[in-house]
Structure formats: structure tokens, C-alpha cells
Amino acid sequence: MKGIILFGHGSRTAEYIKPFERIRDAIAARQPDAVVELGFLELTRPSLDESIECLVRRGVTVISVVPIFIGPGRHVLKDLPQLAANAMDRHPDLEISLATPVGEAQEVIDAMAQFALNA
């Protein structure tokens, strides 16, 4: 079974999680059987490790981690691959793939450009 983790940095601000929940809800509206969790690097729960453990308990063996970041930085280029590798070490039957940051997708760039023009 495949699962998706929407990965974010995290924040002390409670409202930070709301866009992630809206993305998760939009995925569920398009594909009701999708298995989606939220996971954060710091300051917000669940952590990425907690989300991975939750998916593994649900029988997920393939996870796609989607960084909800504008672009690649240290967290995406260094921290995330290390966290994924550690999880696969803990769970030898688990396969984790890392998507490019959402902000690098052309459709997202186009949407942000249009938003900026309309602002």
C-alpha cells in the first residue's frame, strides 16, 4: 500500500498547519482512498518520524514524501534525506521516495505568478 506525507518545516503558530490540512483535504476529495499524513521537521506535531510510524502501522510499504517548501534548502537537501534513510533502516521493507519541493512544480510557479499579478 502507498502513502503520502505532506512535509513541512513546522511553526509555533497554530494556524501554520491549516494549509497542510487543506491540501490533505483536497487530495481526499480527488482520491478518497488516498492514505495521507502530515509530518513536520520541528515545532509542530506530528513529526515526520511519527507520521512514518503511523503509516507503517497502517500497512503502508511505499511512502512518497512531498516537501511543502518553495524550494530546496538545507532541510530538503540534507535533513529530509537523512530522516528518510533512518526510517528505512528501522523498517527494511519500507520504501520512501522524496518529491521535489512543491514550489518547483511549474503549475505551482504559474499559480503563484498569477496570484502576484492579481494581488
N, C-alpha and C. Protein backbone atom coordinates (compact mmCIF):
# COMPACT_ATOMS: atom_id res chain seq x y z
N MET A 1 0.85 -1.17 0.00
CA MET A 1 0.00 0.00 0.00
C MET A 1 0.90 1.24 0.00
N LYS A 2 0.41 2.29 -0.67
CA LYS A 2 1.17 3.53 -0.79
C LYS A 2 0.58 4.61 0.11
N GLY A 3 1.46 5.41 0.68
CA GLY A 3 1.04 6.55 1.48
C GLY A 3 1.78 7.80 1.07
N ILE A 4 1.23 8.92 1.45
CA ILE A 4 1.82 10.23 1.15
C ILE A 4 1.99 10.98 2.45
N ILE A 5 3.14 11.64 2.60
CA ILE A 5 3.33 12.55 3.72
C ILE A 5 3.57 13.94 3.16
N LEU A 6 2.75 14.88 3.59
CA LEU A 6 2.95 16.29 3.26
C LEU A 6 3.89 16.83 4.33
N PHE A 7 5.11 17.17 3.92
CA PHE A 7 6.18 17.51 4.85
C PHE A 7 6.40 19.01 4.91
N GLY A 8 6.38 19.55 6.12
CA GLY A 8 6.63 20.97 6.30
C GLY A 8 7.66 21.22 7.38
N HIS A 9 8.09 22.46 7.48
CA HIS A 9 9.09 22.83 8.47
C HIS A 9 8.53 22.74 9.88
N GLY A 10 7.37 23.33 10.09
CA GLY A 10 6.79 23.43 11.42
C GLY A 10 6.89 24.86 11.92
N SER A 11 6.05 25.17 12.92
CA SER A 11 6.00 26.53 13.45
C SER A 11 5.36 26.50 14.82
N ARG A 12 5.64 27.51 15.62
CA ARG A 12 4.98 27.65 16.91
C ARG A 12 3.56 28.20 16.74
N THR A 13 3.25 28.71 15.58
CA THR A 13 1.94 29.30 15.30
C THR A 13 0.94 28.20 14.96
N ALA A 14 -0.14 28.13 15.68
CA ALA A 14 -1.13 27.06 15.49
C ALA A 14 -1.73 27.08 14.07
N GLU A 15 -1.88 28.26 13.49
CA GLU A 15 -2.50 28.36 12.17
C GLU A 15 -1.63 27.80 11.06
N TYR A 16 -0.36 27.58 11.35
CA TYR A 16 0.58 27.08 10.34
C TYR A 16 0.10 25.79 9.70
N ILE A 17 -0.54 24.94 10.45
CA ILE A 17 -0.94 23.62 9.96
C ILE A 17 -2.15 23.68 9.01
N LYS A 18 -2.90 24.77 9.05
CA LYS A 18 -4.15 24.86 8.26
C LYS A 18 -3.96 24.62 6.76
N PRO A 19 -2.97 25.24 6.09
CA PRO A 19 -2.82 24.97 4.65
C PRO A 19 -2.50 23.49 4.36
N PHE A 20 -1.75 22.87 5.25
CA PHE A 20 -1.44 21.45 5.08
C PHE A 20 -2.71 20.61 5.17
N GLU A 21 -3.58 20.97 6.10
CA GLU A 21 -4.85 20.26 6.23
C GLU A 21 -5.71 20.46 4.99
N ARG A 22 -5.68 21.68 4.43
CA ARG A 22 -6.46 21.94 3.21
C ARG A 22 -5.92 21.14 2.03
N ILE A 23 -4.60 21.02 1.94
CA ILE A 23 -4.02 20.20 0.86
C ILE A 23 -4.43 18.74 1.05
N ARG A 24 -4.33 18.24 2.30
CA ARG A 24 -4.75 16.86 2.58
C ARG A 24 -6.21 16.65 2.20
N ASP A 25 -7.07 17.61 2.55
CA ASP A 25 -8.49 17.50 2.22
C ASP A 25 -8.73 17.53 0.72
N ALA A 26 -7.95 18.34 -0.01
CA ALA A 26 -8.08 18.40 -1.47
C ALA A 26 -7.66 17.07 -2.10
N ILE A 27 -6.64 16.44 -1.53
CA ILE A 27 -6.23 15.12 -2.02
C ILE A 27 -7.36 14.12 -1.79
N ALA A 28 -7.93 14.14 -0.59
CA ALA A 28 -9.02 13.21 -0.27
C ALA A 28 -10.23 13.43 -1.16
N ALA A 29 -10.49 14.68 -1.54
CA ALA A 29 -11.62 14.96 -2.43
C ALA A 29 -11.39 14.38 -3.82
N ARG A 30 -10.14 14.37 -4.25
CA ARG A 30 -9.80 13.84 -5.58
C ARG A 30 -9.65 12.33 -5.56
N GLN A 31 -9.15 11.80 -4.46
CA GLN A 31 -8.90 10.36 -4.36
C GLN A 31 -9.20 9.92 -2.92
N PRO A 32 -10.47 9.58 -2.66
CA PRO A 32 -10.90 9.27 -1.29
C PRO A 32 -10.13 8.14 -0.60
N ASP A 33 -9.56 7.23 -1.36
CA ASP A 33 -8.83 6.12 -0.73
C ASP A 33 -7.35 6.43 -0.51
N ALA A 34 -6.91 7.64 -0.82
CA ALA A 34 -5.50 8.01 -0.61
C ALA A 34 -5.20 8.01 0.89
N VAL A 35 -4.01 7.54 1.21
CA VAL A 35 -3.56 7.50 2.60
C VAL A 35 -2.55 8.64 2.77
N VAL A 36 -2.97 9.69 3.47
CA VAL A 36 -2.16 10.91 3.57
C VAL A 36 -1.99 11.30 5.03
N GLU A 37 -0.77 11.61 5.38
CA GLU A 37 -0.44 12.12 6.71
C GLU A 37 0.32 13.43 6.56
N LEU A 38 0.29 14.22 7.61
CA LEU A 38 1.11 15.42 7.69
C LEU A 38 2.32 15.08 8.56
N GLY A 39 3.47 15.66 8.25
CA GLY A 39 4.67 15.44 9.05
C GLY A 39 5.54 16.68 9.02
N PHE A 40 6.13 17.01 10.17
CA PHE A 40 6.89 18.25 10.28
C PHE A 40 8.28 18.00 10.85
N LEU A 41 9.19 18.88 10.47
CA LEU A 41 10.57 18.77 10.89
C LEU A 41 10.72 19.15 12.36
N GLU A 42 10.10 20.25 12.76
CA GLU A 42 10.24 20.71 14.14
C GLU A 42 9.07 21.62 14.51
N LEU A 43 8.87 21.78 15.81
CA LEU A 43 7.93 22.73 16.39
C LEU A 43 6.46 22.36 16.22
N THR A 44 6.11 21.52 15.30
CA THR A 44 4.73 21.13 15.04
C THR A 44 4.66 19.61 15.02
N ARG A 45 3.58 19.08 15.55
CA ARG A 45 3.39 17.63 15.52
C ARG A 45 2.24 17.31 14.57
N PRO A 46 2.28 16.17 13.96
CA PRO A 46 3.23 15.09 14.19
C PRO A 46 4.57 15.34 13.50
N SER A 47 5.60 14.77 14.07
CA SER A 47 6.91 14.83 13.43
C SER A 47 6.89 13.92 12.21
N LEU A 48 7.89 14.07 11.36
CA LEU A 48 7.99 13.19 10.20
C LEU A 48 8.09 11.74 10.65
N ASP A 49 8.91 11.48 11.66
CA ASP A 49 9.05 10.11 12.17
C ASP A 49 7.72 9.56 12.69
N GLU A 50 6.96 10.39 13.40
CA GLU A 50 5.66 9.93 13.90
C GLU A 50 4.72 9.60 12.75
N SER A 51 4.75 10.40 11.69
CA SER A 51 3.90 10.15 10.53
C SER A 51 4.30 8.87 9.81
N ILE A 52 5.60 8.65 9.69
CA ILE A 52 6.08 7.42 9.05
C ILE A 52 5.63 6.22 9.87
N GLU A 53 5.80 6.28 11.19
CA GLU A 53 5.39 5.16 12.05
C GLU A 53 3.90 4.90 11.94
N CYS A 54 3.10 5.95 11.86
CA CYS A 54 1.65 5.81 11.70
C CYS A 54 1.31 5.09 10.41
N LEU A 55 1.96 5.48 9.31
CA LEU A 55 1.71 4.83 8.03
C LEU A 55 2.15 3.36 8.04
N VAL A 56 3.29 3.09 8.64
CA VAL A 56 3.78 1.70 8.71
C VAL A 56 2.78 0.85 9.49
N ARG A 57 2.26 1.37 10.61
CA ARG A 57 1.25 0.63 11.39
C ARG A 57 -0.01 0.36 10.58
N ARG A 58 -0.30 1.23 9.61
CA ARG A 58 -1.49 1.06 8.76
C ARG A 58 -1.22 0.13 7.58
N GLY A 59 0.00 -0.41 7.49
CA GLY A 59 0.32 -1.35 6.43
C GLY A 59 0.94 -0.73 5.19
N VAL A 60 1.30 0.54 5.25
CA VAL A 60 1.92 1.21 4.12
C VAL A 60 3.36 0.73 3.98
N THR A 61 3.75 0.39 2.75
CA THR A 61 5.12 -0.06 2.49
C THR A 61 5.87 0.87 1.54
N VAL A 62 5.15 1.79 0.90
CA VAL A 62 5.76 2.76 -0.02
C VAL A 62 5.23 4.13 0.37
N ILE A 63 6.15 5.03 0.67
CA ILE A 63 5.77 6.39 1.09
C ILE A 63 6.41 7.40 0.15
N SER A 64 5.60 8.34 -0.30
CA SER A 64 6.10 9.49 -1.05
C SER A 64 6.02 10.69 -0.11
N VAL A 65 7.18 11.29 0.16
CA VAL A 65 7.22 12.49 1.00
C VAL A 65 7.25 13.70 0.07
N VAL A 66 6.26 14.57 0.24
CA VAL A 66 6.14 15.75 -0.61
C VAL A 66 6.48 16.98 0.23
N PRO A 67 7.65 17.58 0.00
CA PRO A 67 8.01 18.78 0.76
C PRO A 67 7.17 19.98 0.34
N ILE A 68 6.44 20.52 1.30
CA ILE A 68 5.65 21.72 1.03
C ILE A 68 6.55 22.91 1.36
N PHE A 69 7.52 23.08 0.51
CA PHE A 69 8.53 24.14 0.60
C PHE A 69 8.57 24.83 -0.77
N ILE A 70 8.93 26.10 -0.78
CA ILE A 70 9.05 26.84 -2.04
C ILE A 70 10.21 26.31 -2.87
N GLY A 71 11.32 25.99 -2.24
CA GLY A 71 12.48 25.49 -2.97
C GLY A 71 13.35 24.65 -2.06
N PRO A 72 14.41 24.10 -2.63
CA PRO A 72 15.29 23.26 -1.83
C PRO A 72 16.23 24.10 -0.98
N GLY A 73 16.34 23.72 0.25
CA GLY A 73 17.30 24.32 1.17
C GLY A 73 17.87 23.19 2.00
N ARG A 74 18.55 23.53 3.04
CA ARG A 74 19.21 22.52 3.87
C ARG A 74 18.24 21.46 4.39
N HIS A 75 17.04 21.88 4.79
CA HIS A 75 16.09 20.91 5.34
C HIS A 75 15.67 19.88 4.29
N VAL A 76 15.48 20.33 3.06
CA VAL A 76 15.07 19.42 1.98
C VAL A 76 16.26 18.63 1.44
N LEU A 77 17.41 19.28 1.33
CA LEU A 77 18.57 18.64 0.72
C LEU A 77 19.36 17.74 1.68
N LYS A 78 19.34 18.06 2.96
CA LYS A 78 20.15 17.30 3.91
C LYS A 78 19.31 16.60 4.97
N ASP A 79 18.48 17.36 5.69
CA ASP A 79 17.73 16.78 6.81
C ASP A 79 16.73 15.72 6.36
N LEU A 80 15.94 16.05 5.36
CA LEU A 80 14.91 15.12 4.90
C LEU A 80 15.48 13.80 4.38
N PRO A 81 16.50 13.80 3.51
CA PRO A 81 17.05 12.52 3.08
C PRO A 81 17.60 11.68 4.25
N GLN A 82 18.19 12.35 5.24
CA GLN A 82 18.71 11.61 6.39
C GLN A 82 17.58 11.00 7.21
N LEU A 83 16.52 11.75 7.43
CA LEU A 83 15.37 11.22 8.17
C LEU A 83 14.75 10.04 7.43
N ALA A 84 14.63 10.15 6.11
CA ALA A 84 14.08 9.05 5.31
C ALA A 84 14.97 7.82 5.38
N ALA A 85 16.28 8.02 5.27
CA ALA A 85 17.22 6.89 5.35
C ALA A 85 17.14 6.21 6.71
N ASN A 86 17.05 7.00 7.77
CA ASN A 86 16.93 6.42 9.11
C ASN A 86 15.67 5.59 9.24
N ALA A 87 14.56 6.08 8.70
CA ALA A 87 13.30 5.34 8.76
C ALA A 87 13.40 4.03 7.98
N MET A 88 14.04 4.06 6.81
CA MET A 88 14.18 2.83 6.03
C MET A 88 15.13 1.85 6.71
N ASP A 89 16.09 2.35 7.48
CA ASP A 89 16.94 1.46 8.28
C ASP A 89 16.11 0.77 9.36
N ARG A 90 15.18 1.51 9.97
CA ARG A 90 14.32 0.93 11.01
C ARG A 90 13.31 -0.05 10.42
N HIS A 91 12.91 0.19 9.18
CA HIS A 91 11.89 -0.63 8.52
C HIS A 91 12.43 -1.09 7.17
N PRO A 92 13.15 -2.21 7.15
CA PRO A 92 13.81 -2.67 5.91
C PRO A 92 12.86 -2.90 4.73
N ASP A 93 11.58 -3.15 4.99
CA ASP A 93 10.63 -3.38 3.89
C ASP A 93 9.96 -2.10 3.41
N LEU A 94 10.37 -0.98 3.95
CA LEU A 94 9.76 0.30 3.62
C LEU A 94 10.57 1.01 2.54
N GLU A 95 9.86 1.56 1.56
CA GLU A 95 10.48 2.35 0.50
C GLU A 95 9.96 3.78 0.62
N ILE A 96 10.87 4.74 0.74
CA ILE A 96 10.48 6.14 0.84
C ILE A 96 11.10 6.89 -0.33
N SER A 97 10.26 7.59 -1.09
CA SER A 97 10.76 8.46 -2.15
C SER A 97 10.49 9.91 -1.75
N LEU A 98 11.35 10.79 -2.22
CA LEU A 98 11.26 12.20 -1.88
C LEU A 98 10.94 13.00 -3.14
N ALA A 99 9.81 13.66 -3.12
CA ALA A 99 9.43 14.51 -4.25
C ALA A 99 10.24 15.80 -4.19
N THR A 100 10.28 16.50 -5.30
CA THR A 100 10.90 17.83 -5.29
C THR A 100 9.99 18.77 -4.51
N PRO A 101 10.51 19.86 -3.98
CA PRO A 101 9.66 20.81 -3.26
C PRO A 101 8.52 21.29 -4.15
N VAL A 102 7.36 21.41 -3.57
CA VAL A 102 6.16 21.78 -4.34
C VAL A 102 6.36 23.10 -5.08
N GLY A 103 7.14 24.00 -4.53
CA GLY A 103 7.36 25.30 -5.17
C GLY A 103 8.16 25.23 -6.44
N GLU A 104 8.72 24.08 -6.76
CA GLU A 104 9.46 23.92 -8.01
C GLU A 104 8.59 23.38 -9.15
N ALA A 105 7.36 23.00 -8.84
CA ALA A 105 6.45 22.49 -9.88
C ALA A 105 5.96 23.66 -10.73
N GLN A 106 6.01 23.51 -12.04
CA GLN A 106 5.64 24.60 -12.94
C GLN A 106 4.22 25.09 -12.69
N GLU A 107 3.29 24.15 -12.40
CA GLU A 107 1.91 24.60 -12.16
C GLU A 107 1.81 25.46 -10.91
N VAL A 108 2.64 25.18 -9.92
CA VAL A 108 2.64 25.99 -8.69
C VAL A 108 3.28 27.34 -8.97
N ILE A 109 4.36 27.36 -9.71
CA ILE A 109 5.00 28.63 -10.09
C ILE A 109 4.02 29.50 -10.86
N ASP A 110 3.31 28.89 -11.82
CA ASP A 110 2.32 29.64 -12.60
C ASP A 110 1.22 30.20 -11.71
N ALA A 111 0.74 29.40 -10.76
CA ALA A 111 -0.32 29.85 -9.85
C ALA A 111 0.17 30.99 -8.97
N MET A 112 1.42 30.91 -8.49
CA MET A 112 1.97 31.98 -7.66
C MET A 112 2.17 33.25 -8.48
N ALA A 113 2.60 33.11 -9.73
CA ALA A 113 2.77 34.28 -10.59
C ALA A 113 1.42 34.96 -10.82
N GLN A 114 0.40 34.17 -11.09
CA GLN A 114 -0.94 34.74 -11.31
C GLN A 114 -1.44 35.40 -10.04
N PHE A 115 -1.21 34.76 -8.91
CA PHE A 115 -1.62 35.35 -7.63
C PHE A 115 -0.94 36.71 -7.42
N ALA A 116 0.36 36.77 -7.70
CA ALA A 116 1.12 38.01 -7.53
C ALA A 116 0.59 39.11 -8.46
N LEU A 117 0.25 38.74 -9.68
CA LEU A 117 -0.29 39.72 -10.62
C LEU A 117 -1.64 40.26 -10.16
N ASN A 118 -2.41 39.41 -9.50
CA ASN A 118 -3.74 39.81 -9.03
C ASN A 118 -3.72 40.48 -7.66
N ALA A 119 -2.59 40.45 -6.97
CA ALA A 119 -2.54 40.97 -5.60
C ALA A 119 -2.63 42.49 -5.57
